[in-house]
C-alpha atoms as a PDB file:
ATOM      1  CA  MET A   1       0.000   0.000   0.000  1.00  0.00           C
ATOM      2  CA  GLN A   2       2.833   2.417   0.793  1.00  0.00           C
ATOM      3  CA  GLU A   3       4.429   1.660  -2.603  1.00  0.00           C
ATOM      4  CA  LEU A   4       1.084   2.270  -4.310  1.00  0.00           C
ATOM      5  CA  LEU A   5       0.730   5.533  -2.389  1.00  0.00           C
ATOM      6  CA  GLY A   6       4.088   6.721  -3.690  1.00  0.00           C
ATOM      7  CA  ARG A   7       3.208   5.898  -7.274  1.00  0.00           C
ATOM      8  CA  ILE A   8      -0.204   7.558  -7.173  1.00  0.00           C
ATOM      9  CA  ALA A   9       1.150  10.660  -5.412  1.00  0.00           C
ATOM     10  CA  ALA A  10       3.646  11.069  -8.256  1.00  0.00           C
ATOM     11  CA  LEU A  11       0.882  10.826 -10.859  1.00  0.00           C
ATOM     12  CA  ASP A  12      -1.911  12.731  -9.130  1.00  0.00           C
ATOM     13  CA  PRO A  13      -1.219  14.288  -5.694  1.00  0.00           C
ATOM     14  CA  SER A  14      -4.909  15.054  -5.097  1.00  0.00           C
ATOM     15  CA  ALA A  15      -5.869  11.394  -5.620  1.00  0.00           C
ATOM     16  CA  SER A  16      -3.288  10.184  -3.114  1.00  0.00           C
ATOM     17  CA  ILE A  17      -5.291  11.343  -0.090  1.00  0.00           C
ATOM     18  CA  GLY A  18      -7.812   8.520  -0.469  1.00  0.00           C
ATOM     19  CA  ILE A  19      -4.994   5.983  -0.673  1.00  0.00           C
ATOM     20  CA  ARG A  20      -3.402   7.516   2.414  1.00  0.00           C
ATOM     21  CA  VAL A  21      -6.687   7.013   4.287  1.00  0.00           C
ATOM     22  CA  ILE A  22      -6.629   3.330   3.353  1.00  0.00           C
ATOM     23  CA  ALA A  23      -2.958   2.992   4.322  1.00  0.00           C
ATOM     24  CA  CYS A  24      -3.634   4.733   7.631  1.00  0.00           C
ATOM     25  CA  PHE A  25      -6.396   2.299   8.629  1.00  0.00           C
ATOM     26  CA  ASP A  26      -4.295  -0.646   7.428  1.00  0.00           C
ATOM     27  CA  GLU A  27      -1.503   0.357   9.810  1.00  0.00           C
ATOM     28  CA  LEU A  28      -3.914   0.823  12.708  1.00  0.00           C
ATOM     29  CA  MET A  29      -5.377  -2.628  12.119  1.00  0.00           C
ATOM     30  CA  ALA A  30      -1.891  -4.140  11.926  1.00  0.00           C
ATOM     31  CA  GLY A  31      -1.140  -2.407  15.215  1.00  0.00           C
ATOM     32  CA  ASN A  32      -4.293  -3.844  16.840  1.00  0.00           C
ATOM     33  CA  VAL A  33      -5.623  -0.387  17.691  1.00  0.00           C
ATOM     34  CA  ASN A  34      -8.741  -0.255  19.861  1.00  0.00           C
ATOM     35  CA  LEU A  35     -12.225   0.827  18.699  1.00  0.00           C
ATOM     36  CA  HIS A  36     -11.888   4.260  20.284  1.00  0.00           C
ATOM     37  CA  GLY A  37      -8.600   4.741  18.467  1.00  0.00           C
ATOM     38  CA  LEU A  38     -10.191   3.835  15.134  1.00  0.00           C
ATOM     39  CA  LEU A  39     -13.032   6.255  15.805  1.00  0.00           C
ATOM     40  CA  SER A  40     -10.604   9.015  16.811  1.00  0.00           C
ATOM     41  CA  THR A  41      -8.663   8.461  13.612  1.00  0.00           C
ATOM     42  CA  ALA A  42     -11.771   8.766  11.436  1.00  0.00           C
ATOM     43  CA  ALA A  43     -12.794  11.975  13.215  1.00  0.00           C
ATOM     44  CA  ALA A  44      -9.306  13.483  12.859  1.00  0.00           C
ATOM     45  CA  LEU A  45      -9.061  12.564   9.171  1.00  0.00           C
ATOM     46  CA  ALA A  46     -12.503  13.974   8.406  1.00  0.00           C
ATOM     47  CA  GLY A  47     -12.156  17.051  10.601  1.00  0.00           C
ATOM     48  CA  CYS A  48     -15.558  16.454  12.212  1.00  0.00           C
ATOM     49  CA  PRO A  49     -17.039  14.171  14.915  1.00  0.00           C
ATOM     50  CA  ALA A  50     -17.391  10.450  14.214  1.00  0.00           C
ATOM     51  CA  GLY A  51     -19.769   8.005  15.855  1.00  0.00           C
ATOM     52  CA  LEU A  52     -20.146   4.301  16.565  1.00  0.00           C
ATOM     53  CA  ARG A  53     -23.214   2.363  17.639  1.00  0.00           C
ATOM     54  CA  THR A  54     -22.958  -1.197  18.970  1.00  0.00           C
ATOM     55  CA  GLY A  55     -25.197  -3.501  20.928  1.00  0.00           C
ATOM     56  CA  THR A  56     -23.979  -1.886  24.139  1.00  0.00           C
ATOM     57  CA  GLY A  57     -24.635   1.762  23.191  1.00  0.00           C
ATOM     58  CA  SER A  58     -23.141   4.566  21.133  1.00  0.00           C
ATOM     59  CA  THR A  59     -19.906   6.561  21.252  1.00  0.00           C
ATOM     60  CA  ARG A  60     -19.155   9.923  19.647  1.00  0.00           C
ATOM     61  CA  VAL A  61     -15.643  11.352  19.313  1.00  0.00           C
ATOM     62  CA  SER A  62     -14.564  14.854  18.285  1.00  0.00           C
ATOM     63  CA  ALA A  63     -11.906  15.657  15.705  1.00  0.00           C
ATOM     64  CA  LEU A  64      -9.492  16.169  18.637  1.00  0.00           C
ATOM     65  CA  GLY A  65     -10.118  12.655  19.954  1.00  0.00           C
ATOM     66  CA  ASP A  66     -12.290  13.626  22.933  1.00  0.00           C
ATOM     67  CA  ARG A  67     -15.601  11.971  23.718  1.00  0.00           C
ATOM     68  CA  VAL A  68     -18.678  13.984  22.741  1.00  0.00           C
ATOM     69  CA  ALA A  69     -21.634  13.782  25.112  1.00  0.00           C
ATOM     70  CA  GLY A  70     -25.238  13.393  24.031  1.00  0.00           C
ATOM     71  CA  PRO A  71     -27.028  11.684  21.170  1.00  0.00           C
ATOM     72  CA  GLN A  72     -26.036  12.002  17.549  1.00  0.00           C
ATOM     73  CA  PRO A  73     -27.588  14.853  15.562  1.00  0.00           C
ATOM     74  CA  ALA A  74     -30.750  14.120  13.633  1.00  0.00           C
ATOM     75  CA  GLY A  75     -30.537  13.132   9.994  1.00  0.00           C
ATOM     76  CA  ILE A  76     -27.177  11.360  10.222  1.00  0.00           C
ATOM     77  CA  CYS A  77     -26.731   8.518   7.728  1.00  0.00           C
ATOM     78  CA  GLU A  78     -25.263   5.440   9.421  1.00  0.00           C
ATOM     79  CA  THR A  79     -23.110   2.838   7.664  1.00  0.00           C
ATOM     80  CA  PRO A  80     -23.315  -0.809   8.809  1.00  0.00           C
ATOM     81  CA  ALA A  81     -20.166  -2.119  10.479  1.00  0.00           C
ATOM     82  CA  GLY A  82     -21.262  -5.674  11.253  1.00  0.00           C
ATOM     83  CA  PRO A  83     -24.444  -7.465  12.274  1.00  0.00           C
ATOM     84  CA  SER A  84     -25.257  -5.086  15.132  1.00  0.00           C
ATOM     85  CA  ALA A  85     -23.027  -2.043  14.687  1.00  0.00           C
ATOM     86  CA  SER A  86     -22.892   1.093  12.579  1.00  0.00           C
ATOM     87  CA  VAL A  87     -20.623   4.127  12.142  1.00  0.00           C
ATOM     88  CA  TRP A  88     -21.065   7.669  10.866  1.00  0.00           C
ATOM     89  CA  LEU A  89     -19.541  11.120  10.419  1.00  0.00           C
ATOM     90  CA  GLU A  90     -21.271  14.228  11.775  1.00  0.00           C
ATOM     91  CA  ARG A  91     -20.384  16.777   9.118  1.00  0.00           C
ATOM     92  CA  GLU A  92     -22.392  19.954   8.860  1.00  0.00           C
ATOM     93  CA  GLY A  93     -23.362  20.684   5.277  1.00  0.00           C
ATOM     94  CA  PRO A  94     -22.587  18.534   2.229  1.00  0.00           C
ATOM     95  CA  ALA A  95     -20.229  15.568   2.469  1.00  0.00           C
ATOM     96  CA  ALA A  96     -16.575  16.151   1.649  1.00  0.00           C
ATOM     97  CA  VAL A  97     -14.898  14.201  -1.124  1.00  0.00           C
ATOM     98  CA  ASN A  98     -13.075  11.778   1.177  1.00  0.00           C
ATOM     99  CA  ASP A  99     -15.927  11.203   3.652  1.00  0.00           C
ATOM    100  CA  ALA A 100     -17.137   8.073   1.868  1.00  0.00           C
ATOM    101  CA  ILE A 101     -13.757   6.347   1.946  1.00  0.00           C
ATOM    102  CA  ILE A 102     -13.160   7.330   5.582  1.00  0.00           C
ATOM    103  CA  VAL A 103     -16.510   5.846   6.636  1.00  0.00           C
ATOM    104  CA  GLU A 104     -15.939   2.762   4.503  1.00  0.00           C
ATOM    105  CA  ARG A 105     -12.540   2.026   6.066  1.00  0.00           C
ATOM    106  CA  LEU A 106     -13.835   2.828   9.551  1.00  0.00           C
ATOM    107  CA  ALA A 107     -16.763   0.440   9.096  1.00  0.00           C
ATOM    108  CA  LEU A 108     -14.471  -2.310   7.812  1.00  0.00           C
ATOM    109  CA  ALA A 109     -11.995  -1.851  10.683  1.00  0.00           C
ATOM    110  CA  VAL A 110     -14.739  -1.743  13.317  1.00  0.00           C
ATOM    111  CA  GLY A 111     -16.357  -4.866  11.868  1.00  0.00           C
ATOM    112  CA  ILE A 112     -13.073  -6.746  12.186  1.00  0.00           C
ATOM    113  CA  ARG A 113     -12.597  -5.605  15.770  1.00  0.00           C
ATOM    114  CA  LEU A 114     -16.105  -6.581  16.921  1.00  0.00           C
ATOM    115  CA  ASP A 115     -17.058 -10.111  17.858  1.00  0.00           C
ATOM    116  CA  ALA A 116     -20.220 -11.881  16.705  1.00  0.00           C
ATOM    117  CA  ALA A 117     -22.267 -10.205  19.455  1.00  0.00           C
ATOM    118  CA  GLY A 118     -21.180  -6.754  18.330  1.00  0.00           C
ATOM    119  CA  THR A 119     -19.036  -6.048  21.375  1.00  0.00           C
ATOM    120  CA  ALA A 120     -15.329  -5.567  21.931  1.00  0.00           C
ATOM    121  CA  SER A 121     -13.039  -5.074  24.895  1.00  0.00           C
ATOM    122  CA  ALA A 122     -13.468  -1.617  26.389  1.00  0.00           C
ATOM    123  CA  THR A 123      -9.958  -1.680  27.886  1.00  0.00           C
ATOM    124  CA  ARG A 124      -7.586   0.891  26.429  1.00  0.00           C
ATOM    125  CA  ASP A 125      -4.301   0.050  28.049  1.00  0.00           C
ATOM    126  CA  ILE A 126      -1.999   2.420  26.146  1.00  0.00           C
ATOM    127  CA  PRO A 127      -3.878   5.670  26.956  1.00  0.00           C
ATOM    128  CA  LEU A 128      -4.148   4.523  30.575  1.00  0.00           C
ATOM    129  CA  LEU A 129      -0.465   3.654  30.718  1.00  0.00           C
ATOM    130  CA  LEU A 130       0.509   7.097  29.351  1.00  0.00           C
ATOM    131  CA  ASP A 131      -1.848   9.086  31.593  1.00  0.00           C
ATOM    132  CA  ARG A 132       0.193  10.664  34.379  1.00  0.00           C
ATOM    133  CA  SER A 133      -2.986  11.418  36.344  1.00  0.00           C
ATOM    134  CA  ALA A 134      -3.921   7.713  36.474  1.00  0.00           C
ATOM    135  CA  ASP A 135      -3.229   5.584  39.542  1.00  0.00           C
ATOM    136  CA  VAL A 136       0.236   3.998  39.451  1.00  0.00           C
ATOM    137  CA  GLU A 137      -1.120   0.528  40.227  1.00  0.00           C
ATOM    138  CA  ALA A 138      -3.660   0.823  37.411  1.00  0.00           C
ATOM    139  CA  ARG A 139      -0.861   1.794  35.045  1.00  0.00           C
ATOM    140  CA  ARG A 140       1.255  -1.162  36.173  1.00  0.00           C
ATOM    141  CA  GLU A 141      -1.650  -3.518  35.557  1.00  0.00           C
ATOM    142  CA  ALA A 142      -2.099  -2.038  32.076  1.00  0.00           C
ATOM    143  CA  ALA A 143       1.609  -2.535  31.401  1.00  0.00           C
ATOM    144  CA  ALA A 144       1.395  -6.170  32.475  1.00  0.00           C
ATOM    145  CA  ARG A 145      -1.588  -6.786  30.186  1.00  0.00           C
ATOM    146  CA  ILE A 146       0.389  -5.675  27.132  1.00  0.00           C
ATOM    147  CA  GLY A 147       3.512  -7.570  28.128  1.00  0.00           C
ATOM    148  CA  LEU A 148       5.785  -4.803  29.437  1.00  0.00           C
ATOM    149  CA  THR A 149       8.149  -5.734  32.241  1.00  0.00           C
ATOM    150  CA  THR A 150       9.100  -3.466  35.116  1.00  0.00           C
ATOM    151  CA  THR A 151      12.759  -4.511  34.778  1.00  0.00           C
ATOM    152  CA  SER A 152      13.255  -2.966  31.330  1.00  0.00           C
ATOM    153  CA  ASN A 153      13.204   0.594  30.068  1.00  0.00           C
ATOM    154  CA  HIS A 154      11.061   1.638  27.128  1.00  0.00           C
ATOM    155  CA  ARG A 155      10.500   4.639  24.890  1.00  0.00           C
ATOM    156  CA  VAL A 156       7.234   6.056  23.642  1.00  0.00           C
ATOM    157  CA  ILE A 157       7.262   6.825  19.923  1.00  0.00           C
ATOM    158  CA  VAL A 158       4.605   9.126  18.493  1.00  0.00           C
ATOM    159  CA  VAL A 159       3.863   9.435  14.792  1.00  0.00           C
ATOM    160  CA  PRO A 160       1.220  11.294  12.777  1.00  0.00           C
ATOM    161  CA  LEU A 161      -1.821   9.413  11.532  1.00  0.00           C
ATOM    162  CA  PHE A 162      -0.448   9.732   8.003  1.00  0.00           C
ATOM    163  CA  ALA A 163       3.034   8.466   8.844  1.00  0.00           C
ATOM    164  CA  LEU A 164       4.814   6.333   6.258  1.00  0.00           C
ATOM    165  CA  TRP A 165       5.637   2.777   7.367  1.00  0.00           C
ATOM    166  CA  ASP A 166       8.105   0.314   5.871  1.00  0.00           C
ATOM    167  CA  THR A 167       6.997  -2.489   8.170  1.00  0.00           C
ATOM    168  CA  HIS A 168       4.827  -2.625  11.275  1.00  0.00           C
ATOM    169  CA  PRO A 169       6.831  -3.750  14.347  1.00  0.00           C
ATOM    170  CA  ALA A 170       5.206  -5.866  17.020  1.00  0.00           C
ATOM    171  CA  TRP A 171       5.136  -2.985  19.510  1.00  0.00           C
ATOM    172  CA  PRO A 172       1.980  -2.205  21.483  1.00  0.00           C
ATOM    173  CA  GLY A 173       0.280   0.962  20.282  1.00  0.00           C
ATOM    174  CA  ASP A 174      -2.934   2.934  20.080  1.00  0.00           C
ATOM    175  CA  VAL A 175      -4.302   6.230  18.806  1.00  0.00           C
ATOM    176  CA  ILE A 176      -4.330   8.833  21.570  1.00  0.00           C
ATOM    177  CA  ALA A 177      -5.612  12.379  21.895  1.00  0.00           C
ATOM    178  CA  THR A 178      -3.084  15.024  22.934  1.00  0.00           C
ATOM    179  CA  PRO A 179      -3.364  18.798  23.434  1.00  0.00           C
ATOM    180  CA  ARG A 180      -1.521  19.180  20.110  1.00  0.00           C
ATOM    181  CA  GLY A 181      -3.552  16.719  18.046  1.00  0.00           C
ATOM    182  CA  THR A 182      -4.404  13.052  17.590  1.00  0.00           C
ATOM    183  CA  VAL A 183      -1.350  10.810  17.182  1.00  0.00           C
ATOM    184  CA  HIS A 184      -0.457   7.146  16.923  1.00  0.00           C
ATOM    185  CA  ALA A 185       1.598   6.187  19.996  1.00  0.00           C
ATOM    186  CA  LEU A 186       3.759   3.063  20.266  1.00  0.00           C
ATOM    187  CA  ILE A 187       5.883   1.683  23.073  1.00  0.00           C
ATOM    188  CA  ALA A 188       9.273   0.450  21.877  1.00  0.00           C
ATOM    189  CA  PRO A 189      12.335  -0.978  23.611  1.00  0.00           C
ATOM    190  CA  ALA A 190      14.747   1.676  24.856  1.00  0.00           C
ATOM    191  CA  SER A 191      17.348   0.135  22.536  1.00  0.00           C
ATOM    192  CA  ILE A 192      15.650   1.821  19.557  1.00  0.00           C
ATOM    193  CA  VAL A 193      18.240   4.503  20.345  1.00  0.00           C
ATOM    194  CA  PRO A 194      21.643   2.771  20.240  1.00  0.00           C
ATOM    195  CA  ARG A 195      23.690   2.934  23.425  1.00  0.00           C
ATOM    196  CA  GLY A 196      26.123   5.829  23.325  1.00  0.00           C
ATOM    197  CA  ALA A 197      24.227   7.653  20.578  1.00  0.00           C
ATOM    198  CA  PRO A 198      21.524   9.625  22.411  1.00  0.00           C
ATOM    199  CA  ALA A 199      20.792  11.919  19.488  1.00  0.00           C
ATOM    200  CA  ALA A 200      20.124   9.276  16.830  1.00  0.00           C
ATOM    201  CA  ALA A 201      17.395   6.691  16.439  1.00  0.00           C
ATOM    202  CA  ASP A 202      18.088   3.248  15.073  1.00  0.00           C
ATOM    203  CA  PRO A 203      18.416   3.814  11.302  1.00  0.00           C
ATOM    204  CA  THR A 204      16.117   0.822  10.805  1.00  0.00           C
ATOM    205  CA  LEU A 205      13.204   2.570  12.560  1.00  0.00           C
ATOM    206  CA  PRO A 206      10.405   1.583  10.157  1.00  0.00           C
ATOM    207  CA  VAL A 207       8.218   4.701  10.345  1.00  0.00           C
ATOM    208  CA  SER A 208       8.646   8.387   9.610  1.00  0.00           C
ATOM    209  CA  PRO A 209       8.278  11.039  10.763  1.00  0.00           C
ATOM    210  CA  ALA A 210       8.591   9.992  14.396  1.00  0.00           C
ATOM    211  CA  GLY A 211       9.305  11.574  17.767  1.00  0.00           C
ATOM    212  CA  ILE A 212      11.151   9.282  20.177  1.00  0.00           C
ATOM    213  CA  GLY A 213      10.643  10.018  23.856  1.00  0.00           C
ATOM    214  CA  LEU A 214      13.087   9.658  26.727  1.00  0.00           C
ATOM    215  CA  ALA A 215      13.900   6.134  27.910  1.00  0.00           C
ATOM    216  CA  THR A 216      12.044   5.473  31.173  1.00  0.00           C
ATOM    217  CA  ALA A 217      10.859   2.714  33.446  1.00  0.00           C
ATOM    218  CA  VAL A 218       7.246   1.582  33.097  1.00  0.00           C
ATOM    219  CA  ASP A 219       6.103   3.864  35.926  1.00  0.00           C
ATOM    220  CA  ASP A 220       7.490   6.915  34.107  1.00  0.00           C
ATOM    221  CA  LEU A 221       6.155   6.219  30.610  1.00  0.00           C
ATOM    222  CA  PRO A 222       3.866   9.294  30.799  1.00  0.00           C
ATOM    223  CA  MET A 223       7.069  11.377  30.833  1.00  0.00           C
ATOM    224  CA  SER A 224       8.379   9.522  27.779  1.00  0.00           C
ATOM    225  CA  ALA A 225       5.106  10.219  25.965  1.00  0.00           C
ATOM    226  CA  ARG A 226       5.182  13.924  26.879  1.00  0.00           C
ATOM    227  CA  THR A 227       8.732  14.300  25.560  1.00  0.00           C
ATOM    228  CA  ALA A 228       8.012  12.329  22.386  1.00  0.00           C
ATOM    229  CA  LEU A 229       5.403  14.838  21.219  1.00  0.00           C
ATOM    230  CA  PRO A 230       7.662  17.939  21.003  1.00  0.00           C
ATOM    231  CA  ALA A 231      10.337  15.674  19.489  1.00  0.00           C
ATOM    232  CA  LEU A 232       7.868  14.815  16.713  1.00  0.00           C
ATOM    233  CA  GLN A 233       7.047  18.488  16.212  1.00  0.00           C
ATOM    234  CA  LEU A 234      10.744  19.226  15.783  1.00  0.00           C
ATOM    235  CA  CYS A 235      10.918  16.802  12.845  1.00  0.00           C
ATOM    236  CA  SER A 236      11.351  18.397   9.440  1.00  0.00           C
ATOM    237  CA  PRO A 237      10.838  15.655   6.838  1.00  0.00           C
ATOM    238  CA  PRO A 238      12.482  14.558   4.672  1.00  0.00           C
ATOM    239  CA  GLU A 239      15.735  16.078   5.978  1.00  0.00           C
ATOM    240  CA  LYS A 240      15.054  15.110   9.577  1.00  0.00           C
ATOM    241  CA  SER A 241      12.394  12.418   9.889  1.00  0.00           C
ATOM    242  CA  HIS A 242      13.319  11.108  13.343  1.00  0.00           C
ATOM    243  CA  VAL A 243      14.029  13.272  16.402  1.00  0.00           C
ATOM    244  CA  VAL A 244      15.139  11.770  19.713  1.00  0.00           C
ATOM    245  CA  ALA A 245      14.157  13.684  22.835  1.00  0.00           C
ATOM    246  CA  ASP A 246      17.569  12.979  24.388  1.00  0.00           C
ATOM    247  CA  ARG A 247      19.155  15.432  21.938  1.00  0.00           C
ATOM    248  CA  TYR A 248      17.660  18.353  23.866  1.00  0.00           C
ATOM    249  CA  GLY A 249      18.447  17.132  27.383  1.00  0.00           C
ATOM    250  CA  GLY A 250      16.751  19.099  30.149  1.00  0.00           C
ATOM    251  CA  LEU A 251      15.058  21.416  27.653  1.00  0.00           C
ATOM    252  CA  ILE A 252      12.703  18.753  26.340  1.00  0.00           C
ATOM    253  CA  PRO A 253      10.558  18.444  29.514  1.00  0.00           C
ATOM    254  CA  LEU A 254      10.193  22.236  29.518  1.00  0.00           C
ATOM    255  CA  LEU A 255       9.117  22.197  25.870  1.00  0.00           C
ATOM    256  CA  ALA A 256       6.756  19.306  26.597  1.00  0.00           C
ATOM    257  CA  ASP A 257       4.943  21.062  29.427  1.00  0.00           C
ATOM    258  CA  ALA A 258       4.723  24.514  27.833  1.00  0.00           C
ATOM    259  CA  ALA A 259       1.789  25.188  25.553  1.00  0.00           C
ATOM    260  CA  PRO A 260       3.185  26.474  22.225  1.00  0.00           C
ATOM    261  CA  ASP A 261       0.886  29.510  22.272  1.00  0.00           C
ATOM    262  CA  THR A 262       1.847  30.533  25.815  1.00  0.00           C
ATOM    263  CA  GLY A 263       3.196  34.075  25.907  1.00  0.00           C
ATOM    264  CA  ASN A 264       6.989  34.224  25.695  1.00  0.00           C
ATOM    265  CA  PRO A 265       8.629  37.595  24.988  1.00  0.00           C
ATOM    266  CA  ASP A 266      11.730  36.027  23.435  1.00  0.00           C
ATOM    267  CA  VAL A 267       9.617  33.994  21.004  1.00  0.00           C
ATOM    268  CA  ASP A 268       7.450  37.006  20.256  1.00  0.00           C
ATOM    269  CA  ASN A 269      10.552  39.066  19.434  1.00  0.00           C
ATOM    270  CA  LEU A 270      12.000  36.257  17.337  1.00  0.00           C
ATOM    271  CA  GLU A 271       8.798  35.866  15.310  1.00  0.00           C
ATOM    272  CA  PRO A 272       9.256  38.872  12.933  1.00  0.00           C
ATOM    273  CA  LEU A 273      12.949  38.062  12.483  1.00  0.00           C
ATOM    274  CA  MET A 274      12.066  34.604  11.168  1.00  0.00           C
ATOM    275  CA  ASP A 275      10.290  36.168   8.193  1.00  0.00           C
ATOM    276  CA  ASN A 276      13.754  36.668   6.685  1.00  0.00           C
ATOM    277  CA  ALA A 277      14.708  33.836   4.335  1.00  0.00           C
ATOM    278  CA  TRP A 278      18.126  33.499   6.018  1.00  0.00           C
ATOM    279  CA  ALA A 279      16.897  33.571   9.626  1.00  0.00           C
ATOM    280  CA  SER A 280      16.203  29.907  10.406  1.00  0.00           C
ATOM    281  CA  THR A 281      19.491  28.539   9.067  1.00  0.00           C
ATOM    282  CA  THR A 282      21.405  31.411  10.635  1.00  0.00           C
ATOM    283  CA  VAL A 283      19.942  30.894  14.092  1.00  0.00           C
ATOM    284  CA  ALA A 284      20.565  27.139  13.857  1.00  0.00           C
ATOM    285  CA  ALA A 285      24.179  27.756  12.823  1.00  0.00           C
ATOM    286  CA  LEU A 286      24.776  30.248  15.642  1.00  0.00           C
ATOM    287  CA  LEU A 287      23.410  27.776  18.167  1.00  0.00           C
ATOM    288  CA  ASP A 288      25.582  24.918  16.885  1.00  0.00           C
ATOM    289  CA  ALA A 289      28.770  26.976  16.518  1.00  0.00           C
ATOM    290  CA  SER A 290      31.137  28.353  19.132  1.00  0.00           C
ATOM    291  CA  SER A 291      31.675  31.639  17.283  1.00  0.00           C
ATOM    292  CA  VAL A 292      30.284  33.819  14.530  1.00  0.00           C
ATOM    293  CA  ARG A 293      33.213  32.864  12.312  1.00  0.00           C
ATOM    294  CA  GLN A 294      32.545  29.149  12.781  1.00  0.00           C
ATOM    295  CA  ALA A 295      28.835  29.679  12.047  1.00  0.00           C
ATOM    296  CA  ALA A 296      29.789  31.513   8.840  1.00  0.00           C
ATOM    297  CA  ARG A 297      31.965  28.601   7.752  1.00  0.00           C
ATOM    298  CA  ALA A 298      29.119  26.161   8.430  1.00  0.00           C
ATOM    299  CA  LEU A 299      26.830  28.122   6.086  1.00  0.00           C
ATOM    300  CA  ALA A 300      29.608  28.850   3.588  1.00  0.00           C
ATOM    301  CA  ILE A 301      29.040  32.605   3.788  1.00  0.00           C
ATOM    302  CA  HIS A 302      31.413  35.516   4.466  1.00  0.00           C
ATOM    303  CA  HIS A 303      32.178  36.332   8.094  1.00  0.00           C
ATOM    304  CA  SER A 304      30.974  39.915   7.697  1.00  0.00           C
ATOM    305  CA  THR A 305      27.631  38.671   6.356  1.00  0.00           C
ATOM    306  CA  MET A 306      27.169  36.403   9.355  1.00  0.00           C
ATOM    307  CA  GLN A 307      28.219  39.202  11.704  1.00  0.00           C
ATOM    308  CA  ALA A 308      25.591  41.506  10.188  1.00  0.00           C
ATOM    309  CA  ARG A 309      22.936  38.817  10.591  1.00  0.00           C
ATOM    310  CA  ALA A 310      23.952  38.170  14.204  1.00  0.00           C
ATOM    311  CA  GLU A 311      23.702  41.913  14.942  1.00  0.00           C
ATOM    312  CA  ALA A 312      20.249  42.057  13.329  1.00  0.00           C
ATOM    313  CA  ILE A 313      19.111  39.128  15.486  1.00  0.00           C
ATOM    314  CA  ALA A 314      20.511  40.761  18.630  1.00  0.00           C
ATOM    315  CA  ALA A 315      18.765  44.029  17.808  1.00  0.00           C
ATOM    316  CA  GLY A 316      15.441  42.288  17.236  1.00  0.00           C
ATOM    317  CA  LEU A 317      15.673  40.186  20.382  1.00  0.00           C
ATOM    318  CA  GLY A 318      16.920  42.972  22.632  1.00  0.00           C
ATOM    319  CA  PHE A 319      19.821  40.912  24.011  1.00  0.00           C
ATOM    320  CA  ASP A 320      23.105  39.437  22.778  1.00  0.00           C
ATOM    321  CA  PRO A 321      22.333  35.840  21.739  1.00  0.00           C
ATOM    322  CA  LEU A 322      25.993  34.809  21.912  1.00  0.00           C
ATOM    323  CA  GLU A 323      26.885  35.921  25.441  1.00  0.00           C
ATOM    324  CA  GLY A 324      26.039  34.360  28.815  1.00  0.00           C
ATOM    325  CA  LEU A 325      22.440  33.236  29.081  1.00  0.00           C
ATOM    326  CA  GLY A 326      21.698  34.824  25.714  1.00  0.00           C
ATOM    327  CA  LYS A 327      22.513  31.635  23.840  1.00  0.00           C
ATOM    328  CA  ALA A 328      20.244  29.576  26.090  1.00  0.00           C
ATOM    329  CA  ARG A 329      17.449  32.122  25.634  1.00  0.00           C
ATOM    330  CA  LEU A 330      17.910  32.052  21.857  1.00  0.00           C
ATOM    331  CA  GLY A 331      17.922  28.242  21.795  1.00  0.00           C
ATOM    332  CA  THR A 332      14.762  27.980  23.875  1.00  0.00           C
ATOM    333  CA  ALA A 333      13.001  30.640  21.808  1.00  0.00           C
ATOM    334  CA  TYR A 334      14.044  28.998  18.530  1.00  0.00           C
ATOM    335  CA  LEU A 335      12.839  25.533  19.572  1.00  0.00           C
ATOM    336  CA  THR A 336       9.560  26.973  20.821  1.00  0.00           C
ATOM    337  CA  TRP A 337       9.157  28.872  17.550  1.00  0.00           C
ATOM    338  CA  ARG A 338       9.755  25.672  15.573  1.00  0.00           C
ATOM    339  CA  ILE A 339       7.138  23.799  17.598  1.00  0.00           C
ATOM    340  CA  ARG A 340       4.689  26.675  17.250  1.00  0.00           C
ATOM    341  CA  HIS A 341       5.093  26.568  13.455  1.00  0.00           C
ATOM    342  CA  SER A 342       5.427  22.796  13.056  1.00  0.00           C
ATOM    343  CA  ARG A 343       3.294  21.256  10.302  1.00  0.00           C
ATOM    344  CA  VAL A 344       4.252  17.637  10.932  1.00  0.00           C
ATOM    345  CA  LEU A 345       0.894  16.882  12.572  1.00  0.00           C
ATOM    346  CA  ASP A 346      -1.179  18.634   9.929  1.00  0.00           C
ATOM    347  CA  LEU A 347      -3.573  16.368   8.097  1.00  0.00           C
ATOM    348  CA  PRO A 348      -4.458  16.991   4.475  1.00  0.00           C
ATOM    349  CA  PRO A 349      -7.418  19.382   4.534  1.00  0.00           C
ATOM    350  CA  PRO A 350     -10.832  17.756   4.123  1.00  0.00           C
ATOM    351  CA  ARG A 351     -12.050  17.988   0.530  1.00  0.00           C
END
């Protein structure tokens, strides 16, 4: 399916979205994702609430993956998903072009998940395991149910719903709602990042883009999940398709817990500077280099040009970004700016 997606995208980019919907549901089925995860995926792909009715009742989920209270709106057309189940989308106005294929794949996936009585397990171990507000004992029981041991460390990997997969590893996973969007979360061995190379994922990681969280014990997997999300948002495919949270050390928990739209004067001052075509590469070079001259060499530009850019950045920020805490302030502002403007989680717009 991924090979077919590549071929169709080359011929007709607009037609590839339908194939990507199919590929997305295929990967979720291969990953044994729960009913709620399937429903969340359909809602996120369509950009409107999705619903499921079974013999035990109905469930409605918003495009952000949250449960929607109350009955479905009147006039909704339901699609059968087995002997005693049906699914639907709650779009206001006329159906979008891809609605039919989203409902079709949702109905097929739900039908496979349901047993003959139209019921399925209500347990969602992955979201429970990654919920830091949940009771520790409940999280340990969830970990045991999916085969995680308390003697090994693991990493949470988060990928967009439209991630590209080479193969599907036998890692437990589910679709989860986050404050920054609906993602597919997997729990992998900590060894996915080779020992001694904290900034690089295993080159055989079979999915991209992907954010790889910090390695933690089972009890601390919520922290790994929180750090995986900003790592994903710092991806810039195809140049950088995998980002490991370890690369940013103690900054990554701060980035994880700060809402991207929270007021930050350094980010606000950096914002207009980043409209310059040279700004992003220049800031990155200044952060990686030990001097203006070294940054100029990295970008293959004249020293005086880099000096002028550095002075323009300092003037816009109101502090020297190369002295004392200035470099740390610039680095934090730049990473926050990148997360604020990340498009890695954007879904193709509904048509």
